[in-house]
Protein backbone atom coordinates (compact mmCIF):
# COMPACT_ATOMS: atom_id res chain seq x y z
CA LEU A 1 43.32 112.52 -13.75
CA ALA A 2 45.08 112.26 -10.40
CA PRO A 3 43.58 110.88 -7.16
CA ARG A 4 42.25 113.54 -4.81
CA VAL A 5 40.94 113.75 -1.27
CA ASP A 6 37.53 115.36 -0.75
CA ASP A 7 36.38 115.80 2.84
CA LEU A 8 38.81 113.09 3.94
CA THR A 9 37.40 110.68 1.33
CA LEU A 10 39.79 109.33 -1.28
CA VAL A 11 38.48 109.74 -4.84
CA LEU A 12 40.25 107.97 -7.69
CA PRO A 13 39.74 108.59 -11.42
CA PRO A 14 36.76 106.76 -12.95
CA PRO A 15 37.39 103.19 -14.16
CA ALA A 16 38.83 102.69 -17.60
CA GLY A 17 35.91 100.61 -18.88
CA GLU A 18 32.15 100.86 -18.97
CA PRO A 19 29.94 98.38 -17.09
CA PRO A 20 28.47 95.72 -19.40
CA ASP A 21 24.91 95.83 -20.63
CA PRO A 22 22.72 93.49 -18.55
CA LYS A 23 21.80 90.44 -20.62
CA HIS A 24 20.44 87.10 -19.47
CA ASP A 25 22.55 84.17 -20.67
CA PRO A 26 21.22 80.63 -20.13
CA ASP A 27 24.69 79.07 -20.37
CA VAL A 28 26.08 81.34 -17.66
CA SER A 29 23.00 80.65 -15.56
CA ALA A 30 23.55 76.89 -15.93
CA TRP A 31 27.21 77.26 -14.89
CA LEU A 32 26.26 79.21 -11.75
CA GLU A 33 23.65 76.56 -10.93
CA ILE A 34 26.36 73.88 -11.05
CA LEU A 35 28.64 75.89 -8.79
CA ASP A 36 25.90 76.36 -6.19
CA PRO A 37 22.49 74.71 -6.60
CA THR A 38 21.24 76.37 -3.37
CA GLY A 39 21.03 79.84 -4.95
CA GLY A 40 23.29 81.40 -2.34
CA LEU A 41 25.85 82.32 -4.97
CA VAL A 42 23.28 84.22 -7.03
CA ASP A 43 22.16 86.11 -3.92
CA TRP A 44 25.78 87.03 -3.20
CA ILE A 45 26.29 88.30 -6.76
CA ALA A 46 23.11 90.41 -6.50
CA TYR A 47 24.43 92.07 -3.34
CA ALA A 48 27.71 92.92 -5.05
CA ARG A 49 25.82 95.70 -6.83
CA ARG A 50 27.20 99.22 -6.46
CA ASP A 51 24.13 100.66 -4.74
CA ARG A 52 24.17 97.89 -2.13
CA LEU A 53 27.68 98.55 -0.88
CA ASP A 54 26.39 100.55 2.07
CA ALA A 55 26.08 97.18 3.82
CA THR A 56 28.65 94.47 4.43
CA SER A 57 28.51 90.95 3.04
CA PRO A 58 30.33 87.74 3.99
CA ALA A 59 33.33 86.88 1.88
CA LEU A 60 32.63 84.29 -0.81
CA ALA A 61 34.93 81.27 -0.55
CA LEU A 62 34.93 79.03 -3.63
CA VAL A 63 36.55 75.69 -2.83
CA GLY A 64 36.88 73.21 -5.67
CA GLY A 65 38.80 71.72 -8.55
CA ALA A 66 40.90 73.67 -11.00
CA HIS A 67 39.47 75.25 -14.16
CA ILE A 68 35.89 75.62 -12.94
CA GLY A 69 35.88 79.41 -13.37
CA LYS A 70 36.68 80.82 -9.92
CA SER A 71 38.85 83.68 -11.19
CA LEU A 72 36.50 84.18 -14.15
CA LEU A 73 33.68 84.87 -11.71
CA ALA A 74 35.76 87.40 -9.75
CA ASP A 75 36.87 89.31 -12.84
CA ALA A 76 33.36 89.27 -14.32
CA ILE A 77 31.89 90.82 -11.16
CA ALA A 78 34.64 93.46 -11.28
CA ARG A 79 33.56 94.21 -14.86
CA THR A 80 30.11 95.17 -13.56
CA PHE A 81 31.92 98.04 -11.81
CA GLY A 82 33.72 99.03 -14.99
CA ALA A 83 37.05 97.61 -13.78
CA ARG A 84 39.25 95.42 -15.99
CA ARG A 85 39.72 92.83 -13.27
CA ALA A 86 39.21 92.21 -9.56
CA THR A 87 41.55 93.94 -7.12
CA PRO A 88 44.10 91.54 -5.56
CA LEU A 89 43.19 91.15 -1.88
CA GLY A 90 46.87 91.28 -0.90
CA ARG A 91 47.11 94.83 -2.28
CA VAL A 92 44.54 96.20 0.18
CA LEU A 93 45.44 94.32 3.36
CA GLY A 94 48.73 96.15 3.64
CA GLN A 95 49.91 99.73 3.46
CA PHE A 96 48.08 102.40 1.39
CA ALA A 97 45.16 100.20 0.14
CA ALA A 98 44.01 103.00 -2.18
CA MET A 99 43.01 100.39 -4.77
CA LEU A 100 39.85 99.90 -2.69
CA ALA A 101 38.45 103.04 -4.27
CA ALA A 102 39.16 101.73 -7.77
CA CYS A 103 37.23 98.47 -7.40
CA PRO A 104 35.62 96.99 -4.26
CA ILE A 105 35.66 93.45 -5.72
CA LEU A 106 38.67 91.80 -4.09
CA PHE A 107 40.12 88.44 -5.08
CA ALA A 108 42.65 86.07 -3.51
CA ASP A 109 43.75 82.79 -5.07
CA GLU A 110 44.78 79.90 -2.78
CA GLY A 111 43.72 81.43 0.50
CA ILE A 112 44.19 84.47 2.70
CA PRO A 113 47.32 86.54 1.95
CA ARG A 114 50.15 86.35 4.49
CA ASP A 115 52.34 88.93 6.14
CA ARG A 116 55.46 89.23 4.00
CA ARG A 117 57.78 89.32 6.99
CA THR A 118 56.31 86.65 9.26
CA GLY A 119 54.39 84.43 6.85
CA VAL A 120 51.37 84.54 9.19
CA PRO A 121 47.94 84.79 7.51
CA LEU A 122 46.45 88.27 7.79
CA THR A 123 43.24 86.99 9.38
CA GLU A 124 42.63 89.95 11.70
CA GLU A 125 43.05 92.43 8.85
CA PHE A 126 40.77 90.28 6.70
CA ARG A 127 38.06 90.19 9.37
CA ALA A 128 38.19 93.96 9.85
CA LEU A 129 38.05 94.58 6.10
CA VAL A 130 34.99 92.39 5.51
CA THR A 131 32.93 93.94 8.32
CA SER A 132 33.72 97.62 7.74
CA VAL A 133 32.11 100.23 5.52
CA ASP A 134 34.73 102.88 6.38
CA HIS A 135 38.27 101.96 5.39
CA VAL A 136 41.18 104.16 6.43
CA VAL A 137 43.90 104.26 3.77
CA GLU A 138 47.15 106.12 3.38
CA VAL A 139 47.50 108.41 0.39
CA LYS A 140 50.71 107.46 -1.38
CA GLY A 141 53.15 110.33 -1.60
CA SER A 142 51.40 112.15 1.22
CA ASP A 143 51.50 112.07 5.01
CA ARG A 144 47.73 112.17 5.33
CA SER A 145 45.13 109.43 5.57
CA ALA A 146 41.69 109.27 4.04
CA TYR A 147 38.55 107.12 4.05
CA VAL A 148 37.26 104.83 1.36
CA ARG A 149 33.58 104.48 2.11
CA GLY A 150 31.50 101.40 1.32
CA GLY A 151 31.52 97.67 1.94
CA VAL A 152 33.82 95.41 -0.04
CA ARG A 153 33.02 92.10 -1.71
CA VAL A 154 35.78 89.55 -1.21
CA ILE A 155 36.20 86.34 -3.20
CA LEU A 156 38.58 83.65 -1.96
CA ALA A 157 39.43 80.77 -4.27
CA THR A 158 41.26 77.57 -3.52
CA ASN A 159 41.40 74.04 -4.87
CA ARG A 160 41.48 72.52 -1.36
CA ILE A 161 39.75 73.63 1.81
CA ASP A 162 42.87 73.13 3.92
CA ARG A 163 44.60 75.86 1.89
CA LEU A 164 42.03 78.53 2.67
CA PHE A 165 43.82 79.33 5.93
CA SER A 166 47.23 78.16 7.01
CA ALA A 167 48.10 77.51 10.67
CA ARG A 168 44.76 75.71 10.85
CA GLY A 169 43.99 73.63 13.91
CA THR A 170 45.60 76.26 16.14
CA TYR A 171 42.83 78.86 16.22
CA GLY A 172 40.97 79.54 19.45
CA ALA A 173 37.19 79.32 19.73
CA HIS A 174 36.81 83.10 19.33
CA ASP A 175 38.96 83.15 16.17
CA VAL A 176 37.07 80.26 14.59
CA ALA A 177 33.70 81.85 15.30
CA ALA A 178 34.86 85.25 14.05
CA LEU A 179 36.12 83.83 10.76
CA ALA A 180 33.01 81.68 10.25
CA ARG A 181 30.75 84.73 10.61
CA ARG A 182 32.56 86.33 7.69
CA LEU A 183 32.44 83.47 5.17
CA LEU A 184 29.98 82.03 2.67
CA VAL A 185 31.70 78.79 1.67
CA ILE A 186 30.73 76.99 -1.53
CA GLU A 187 32.49 73.69 -2.02
CA ILE A 188 32.62 72.05 -5.46
CA SER A 189 34.54 68.88 -4.66
CA ASP A 190 32.50 66.02 -6.08
CA ALA A 191 34.37 64.76 -9.17
CA ALA A 192 31.27 64.61 -11.37
CA ARG A 193 30.20 68.13 -10.37
CA VAL A 194 33.70 69.48 -11.01
CA GLU A 195 33.68 67.95 -14.48
CA ARG A 196 30.26 69.44 -15.22
CA ALA A 197 31.51 72.87 -14.11
CA ARG A 198 34.57 72.59 -16.36
CA THR A 199 32.40 71.63 -19.33
CA ALA A 200 30.06 74.55 -18.61
CA VAL A 201 32.98 77.00 -18.51
CA ILE A 202 34.30 75.74 -21.84
CA ALA A 203 30.86 76.35 -23.34
CA LEU A 204 31.03 80.03 -22.35
CA GLY A 205 33.72 81.12 -24.77
CA PRO A 206 36.81 80.40 -26.81
CA ALA A 207 39.54 80.13 -24.17
CA GLU A 208 40.49 81.00 -20.60
CA GLY A 209 40.97 84.76 -20.28
CA HIS A 210 39.34 85.49 -23.64
CA PRO A 211 37.54 88.88 -23.60
CA LEU A 212 34.42 87.48 -25.25
CA ARG A 213 33.97 84.90 -22.49
CA LEU A 214 34.52 87.52 -19.80
CA ALA A 215 32.10 89.97 -21.43
CA ARG A 216 29.45 87.28 -21.73
CA VAL A 217 29.68 86.31 -18.08
CA ALA A 218 29.82 89.94 -16.93
CA GLY A 219 26.67 90.75 -18.89
CA HIS A 220 24.75 87.98 -17.17
CA LEU A 221 26.03 88.99 -13.74
CA ALA A 222 24.93 92.57 -14.45
CA TRP A 223 21.52 91.17 -15.37
CA ILE A 224 21.36 89.34 -12.02
CA GLN A 225 22.28 92.54 -10.19
CA ALA A 226 19.57 94.46 -12.05
CA ASN A 227 16.77 91.89 -11.71
CA HIS A 228 17.37 89.40 -8.91
CA VAL A 229 15.46 90.02 -5.72
CA GLY A 230 16.88 87.78 -3.03
CA ALA A 231 17.79 87.75 0.61
CA PRO A 232 21.07 89.31 1.74
CA PRO A 233 23.74 86.59 1.75
CA GLU A 234 24.24 84.82 5.07
CA PRO A 235 27.43 83.19 6.38
CA ARG A 236 27.81 79.46 5.69
CA ALA A 237 31.07 78.02 6.90
CA SER A 238 30.64 74.70 8.73
CA LEU A 239 33.26 73.02 6.51
CA VAL A 240 35.84 75.67 7.31
CA GLU A 241 34.98 75.69 11.01
CA ARG A 242 35.81 72.00 11.33
CA GLU A 243 39.01 72.41 9.32
CA LEU A 244 40.13 75.33 11.47
CA ARG A 245 39.47 73.39 14.66
CA ILE A 246 41.06 70.03 13.88
CA GLY A 247 42.93 70.49 10.64
CA SER A 248 46.47 70.36 12.04
CA ASP A 249 48.46 67.16 12.45
CA VAL A 250 48.89 67.85 16.17
CA ALA A 251 45.14 68.27 16.70
CA ARG A 252 44.31 65.13 14.77
CA GLU A 253 46.93 63.07 16.60
CA ALA A 254 45.70 64.33 19.97
CA LEU A 255 42.08 63.43 19.20
CA ASP A 256 43.05 60.05 17.74
CA ALA A 257 44.89 59.28 21.00
CA LEU A 258 41.69 59.96 22.94
CA GLU A 259 39.41 57.98 20.63
CA ASP A 260 41.80 55.02 20.38
CA SER A 261 42.38 54.89 24.15
CA PHE A 262 38.83 55.29 25.44
CA PRO A 263 37.62 53.88 27.81
CA VAL A 264 40.53 54.31 30.20
CA PRO A 265 40.69 55.83 33.71
CA TRP A 266 42.44 58.97 32.41
CA ILE A 267 39.48 59.97 30.22
CA ALA A 268 36.29 60.93 32.08
CA LEU A 269 32.99 62.12 30.61
CA ASP A 270 30.10 64.19 31.78
CA SER A 271 27.22 65.49 29.68
CA GLU A 272 29.13 68.48 28.28
CA THR A 273 32.85 67.83 28.86
CA VAL A 274 35.52 65.32 27.96
CA TRP A 275 37.97 65.40 30.88
CA VAL A 276 41.50 64.27 30.03
CA GLN A 277 44.25 63.59 32.56
CA VAL A 278 47.24 65.41 31.12
CA ALA A 279 50.21 63.12 31.97
CA PRO A 280 48.93 59.95 30.21
CA TRP A 281 47.68 62.01 27.27
CA ILE A 282 51.01 63.68 26.51
CA GLN A 283 52.77 60.36 27.03
CA ARG A 284 50.48 58.76 24.46
CA THR A 285 51.07 61.54 21.92
CA GLY A 286 54.77 62.08 22.66
CA SER A 287 54.23 65.82 22.77
CA GLY A 288 56.45 66.41 25.82
CA THR A 289 54.12 68.99 27.36
CA VAL A 290 50.42 69.77 27.21
CA ALA A 291 50.99 73.19 25.61
CA PRO A 292 51.04 72.09 21.92
CA LEU A 293 47.95 69.92 22.45
CA ALA A 294 46.06 72.74 24.16
CA ARG A 295 46.99 75.18 21.39
CA ALA A 296 46.01 72.77 18.62
CA LEU A 297 42.63 72.06 20.25
CA GLY A 298 42.10 75.60 21.49
CA ALA A 299 38.60 75.85 20.01
CA TYR A 300 37.49 72.90 22.14
CA VAL A 301 39.15 73.74 25.46
CA THR A 302 36.52 74.70 28.04
CA HIS A 303 38.61 74.11 31.19
CA PRO A 304 42.34 74.88 30.96
CA SER A 305 44.89 72.45 32.31
CA GLU A 306 44.90 72.58 36.13
CA LYS A 307 45.58 70.39 39.14
CA ARG A 308 42.39 69.22 40.82
CA ARG A 309 41.77 68.11 44.38
CA THR A 310 38.93 65.83 43.28
CA HIS A 311 38.18 63.66 40.28
CA PRO A 312 36.33 65.85 37.72
CA THR A 313 33.28 63.57 37.41
CA THR A 314 33.13 61.24 40.45
CA ARG A 315 34.27 63.98 42.86
CA ASP A 316 36.39 61.43 44.72
CA PRO A 317 39.37 62.98 46.59
CA ASP A 318 42.63 63.00 44.62
CA PRO A 319 45.59 63.18 47.04
CA ALA A 320 48.03 63.44 44.13
CA ARG A 321 46.12 66.44 42.69
CA SER A 322 46.32 65.17 39.11
CA ARG A 323 46.31 67.69 36.28
CA TRP A 324 43.23 67.57 34.02
CA ILE A 325 42.01 69.51 30.99
CA GLY A 326 38.41 69.82 29.81
CA LEU A 327 37.24 69.68 26.16
CA ASP A 328 33.82 70.61 24.78
CA ARG A 329 32.12 67.25 24.24
CA ILE A 330 29.19 68.68 22.26
CA ARG A 331 31.41 70.50 19.79
CA LEU A 332 33.66 67.46 19.41
CA ALA A 333 30.61 65.33 18.60
CA ALA A 334 29.48 67.87 16.00
CA ASP A 335 32.87 67.46 14.33
CA GLY A 336 32.67 63.67 14.36
CA VAL A 337 34.67 62.90 17.53
CA THR A 338 32.47 60.82 19.84
CA PHE A 339 32.83 58.71 22.98
CA ASP A 340 30.39 55.95 23.89
CA ASP A 341 29.80 56.10 27.63
CA ALA A 342 26.77 53.80 27.63
């Protein structure tokens, strides 16, 4: 059967396989409990059900050690749709994207795919994909476009949180907030928990990629989708937010220069803002100009670099009109960067 377009909606042939029979499996349940004791993962799986795709859901980001079953989970959820495996996320963020109609379970290993020409992460495309229930795709071999209707369920997997997005530490406040609203992050980093997860995966079947293991997990996930009544999954991304804000070397060096120097006359505090005099700051970091520091700390900048006629906190006249920049003190404190002005 060939793909067709009905009323501007792309329709692909039915999947090659049949969805698994729902069957509760205590070993699979124990493995999921290790991955996320809070129950958020089970809620997310329940809302990956076909008849719940009329609503969007945050992307699931699994961050943890190797061989704990991240790709196994993605492929098993795809099996509940009758697909052999999850659709690679990189195949639907670019041209055509017709694979969306084949399976709405999308998977990316080691972070967000990048633009092939520039190497820049496709974060804007990712954000639009996760929050849309109408996806415009190009029909290959035709000059017409069509819609794939329904929300997608995206799974991101990485061994380290700093690999989830590249160019970290250079995102502005809007970008950080927009990405955080689209992510449910589950981190499995504690060594003992990682080892327990690996042991639990081994108990599920003969070997990695074995069809019996995949069928067993898929059957339990189908059982969750048929029986679990939980709340719609909510974003949970504080770990990623901090990494996006201060994960780059430039950002960390700039903040270390402030913490190590304070108290000095070129750092001034009020209740909400850390005011930094630009010239001593760039001299301390060796950055040459304030631009790379401002870009790296973009999510914290509340007052752009500007020459001021008065001191930003004492309001004393400044004949030299020194250049100052303002950073969000409250957000810095939330990310562990504090200044004692007692």
